[in-house]
Amino acid sequence: MVKTTRKQREALFKVFQREFPHWISPTQRVERPYQRPQDRGKTVKVPSIQYRRFRAKVQPFFGGDCIMVPYAGMWLGIERDGYTHS
């Protein structure tokens, strides 16, 4: 596991949300996002295995404080302050 800052973890979760937009946190998601309007606010506790698998792909960038994660056929770099770039 790569050491990360809080800003890097937040940015990493935002990258994860690109594929799983209904996830609110690594352990919660919206129950029925496309169902009745009264069900949209309900959340469900989910296992964080998908997020942990995604986070296991993170690699340190040697020569800098950046972490790298493969996403959509490219490498995304996340700086210590949370700035994400490709």
C-alpha atoms as a PDB file:
ATOM      1  CA  MET A   1       0.000   0.000   0.000  1.00  0.00           C
ATOM      2  CA  VAL A   2       1.292   3.422  -0.964  1.00  0.00           C
ATOM      3  CA  LYS A   3       1.338   6.211   1.629  1.00  0.00           C
ATOM      4  CA  THR A   4      -1.055   8.972   0.615  1.00  0.00           C
ATOM      5  CA  THR A   5      -2.203  12.308   1.961  1.00  0.00           C
ATOM      6  CA  ARG A   6      -5.825  13.070   2.743  1.00  0.00           C
ATOM      7  CA  LYS A   7      -6.107  15.258  -0.383  1.00  0.00           C
ATOM      8  CA  GLN A   8      -4.720  12.419  -2.517  1.00  0.00           C
ATOM      9  CA  ARG A   9      -7.231   9.961  -1.039  1.00  0.00           C
ATOM     10  CA  GLU A  10     -10.088  12.378  -1.734  1.00  0.00           C
ATOM     11  CA  ALA A  11      -8.914  12.885  -5.335  1.00  0.00           C
ATOM     12  CA  LEU A  12      -8.483   9.136  -5.755  1.00  0.00           C
ATOM     13  CA  PHE A  13     -12.060   8.560  -4.629  1.00  0.00           C
ATOM     14  CA  LYS A  14     -13.266  11.161  -7.164  1.00  0.00           C
ATOM     15  CA  VAL A  15     -11.493   9.187  -9.900  1.00  0.00           C
ATOM     16  CA  PHE A  16     -13.193   6.024  -8.590  1.00  0.00           C
ATOM     17  CA  GLN A  17     -16.570   7.809  -8.732  1.00  0.00           C
ATOM     18  CA  ARG A  18     -16.147   8.316 -12.481  1.00  0.00           C
ATOM     19  CA  GLU A  19     -16.960   4.613 -12.918  1.00  0.00           C
ATOM     20  CA  PHE A  20     -19.254   4.306  -9.899  1.00  0.00           C
ATOM     21  CA  PRO A  21     -21.074   7.661  -9.735  1.00  0.00           C
ATOM     22  CA  HIS A  22     -23.653   6.557  -7.161  1.00  0.00           C
ATOM     23  CA  TRP A  23     -21.085   5.818  -4.479  1.00  0.00           C
ATOM     24  CA  ILE A  24     -21.109   8.424  -1.707  1.00  0.00           C
ATOM     25  CA  SER A  25     -18.153   7.012   0.226  1.00  0.00           C
ATOM     26  CA  PRO A  26     -16.061   3.826  -0.012  1.00  0.00           C
ATOM     27  CA  THR A  27     -18.742   2.026   2.041  1.00  0.00           C
ATOM     28  CA  GLN A  28     -22.008   3.752   1.002  1.00  0.00           C
ATOM     29  CA  ARG A  29     -23.904   4.283  -2.220  1.00  0.00           C
ATOM     30  CA  VAL A  30     -27.333   5.583  -3.223  1.00  0.00           C
ATOM     31  CA  GLU A  31     -29.859   2.757  -3.010  1.00  0.00           C
ATOM     32  CA  ARG A  32     -31.974   3.359  -6.133  1.00  0.00           C
ATOM     33  CA  PRO A  33     -30.654   6.320  -8.122  1.00  0.00           C
ATOM     34  CA  TYR A  34     -33.073   5.937 -11.040  1.00  0.00           C
ATOM     35  CA  GLN A  35     -36.202   4.851  -9.186  1.00  0.00           C
ATOM     36  CA  ARG A  36     -38.885   6.925  -7.490  1.00  0.00           C
ATOM     37  CA  PRO A  37     -37.916  10.442  -6.352  1.00  0.00           C
ATOM     38  CA  GLN A  38     -38.546   9.596  -2.674  1.00  0.00           C
ATOM     39  CA  ASP A  39     -35.944   6.773  -2.849  1.00  0.00           C
ATOM     40  CA  ARG A  40     -33.114   8.928  -4.213  1.00  0.00           C
ATOM     41  CA  GLY A  41     -31.871  10.081  -0.817  1.00  0.00           C
ATOM     42  CA  LYS A  42     -31.649   6.612   0.745  1.00  0.00           C
ATOM     43  CA  THR A  43     -28.212   5.091   1.132  1.00  0.00           C
ATOM     44  CA  VAL A  44     -27.076   1.499   1.455  1.00  0.00           C
ATOM     45  CA  LYS A  45     -23.981   0.162   3.183  1.00  0.00           C
ATOM     46  CA  VAL A  46     -21.871  -1.777   0.678  1.00  0.00           C
ATOM     47  CA  PRO A  47     -18.632  -3.745   1.007  1.00  0.00           C
ATOM     48  CA  SER A  48     -15.635  -1.669   0.011  1.00  0.00           C
ATOM     49  CA  ILE A  49     -13.990  -4.466  -1.989  1.00  0.00           C
ATOM     50  CA  GLN A  50     -14.399  -2.628  -5.324  1.00  0.00           C
ATOM     51  CA  TYR A  51     -12.801   0.504  -3.943  1.00  0.00           C
ATOM     52  CA  ARG A  52     -10.005  -1.499  -2.304  1.00  0.00           C
ATOM     53  CA  ARG A  53      -9.254  -3.246  -5.616  1.00  0.00           C
ATOM     54  CA  PHE A  54      -9.143   0.115  -7.347  1.00  0.00           C
ATOM     55  CA  ARG A  55      -6.904   1.584  -4.657  1.00  0.00           C
ATOM     56  CA  ALA A  56      -4.541  -1.412  -4.890  1.00  0.00           C
ATOM     57  CA  LYS A  57      -3.650  -0.280  -8.430  1.00  0.00           C
ATOM     58  CA  VAL A  58      -2.029   2.910  -7.090  1.00  0.00           C
ATOM     59  CA  GLN A  59       1.729   3.092  -7.619  1.00  0.00           C
ATOM     60  CA  PRO A  60       4.251   5.622  -6.343  1.00  0.00           C
ATOM     61  CA  PHE A  61       5.912   7.880  -8.888  1.00  0.00           C
ATOM     62  CA  PHE A  62       9.621   7.676  -8.298  1.00  0.00           C
ATOM     63  CA  GLY A  63      11.335  11.035  -8.380  1.00  0.00           C
ATOM     64  CA  GLY A  64       8.352  12.960  -7.029  1.00  0.00           C
ATOM     65  CA  ASP A  65       5.588  13.149  -4.455  1.00  0.00           C
ATOM     66  CA  CYS A  66       2.951  12.107  -6.958  1.00  0.00           C
ATOM     67  CA  ILE A  67       1.017   8.817  -6.998  1.00  0.00           C
ATOM     68  CA  MET A  68      -0.033   7.189 -10.264  1.00  0.00           C
ATOM     69  CA  VAL A  69      -3.186   5.215 -11.020  1.00  0.00           C
ATOM     70  CA  PRO A  70      -4.180   3.586 -14.340  1.00  0.00           C
ATOM     71  CA  TYR A  71      -7.567   4.799 -15.534  1.00  0.00           C
ATOM     72  CA  ALA A  72      -9.280   4.536 -18.940  1.00  0.00           C
ATOM     73  CA  GLY A  73      -6.150   3.526 -20.849  1.00  0.00           C
ATOM     74  CA  MET A  74      -3.931   6.251 -19.396  1.00  0.00           C
ATOM     75  CA  TRP A  75      -2.064   7.020 -16.201  1.00  0.00           C
ATOM     76  CA  LEU A  76      -3.428   9.689 -13.884  1.00  0.00           C
ATOM     77  CA  GLY A  77      -1.044  11.423 -11.524  1.00  0.00           C
ATOM     78  CA  ILE A  78      -2.336  12.782  -8.226  1.00  0.00           C
ATOM     79  CA  GLU A  79      -0.140  15.342  -6.495  1.00  0.00           C
ATOM     80  CA  ARG A  80       0.131  15.729  -2.702  1.00  0.00           C
ATOM     81  CA  ASP A  81      -2.346  18.634  -2.788  1.00  0.00           C
ATOM     82  CA  GLY A  82      -4.956  16.548  -4.662  1.00  0.00           C
ATOM     83  CA  TYR A  83      -4.360  18.007  -8.134  1.00  0.00           C
ATOM     84  CA  THR A  84      -5.032  15.299 -10.729  1.00  0.00           C
ATOM     85  CA  HIS A  85      -3.403  15.275 -14.171  1.00  0.00           C
ATOM     86  CA  SER A  86      -2.786  12.831 -16.988  1.00  0.00           C
END
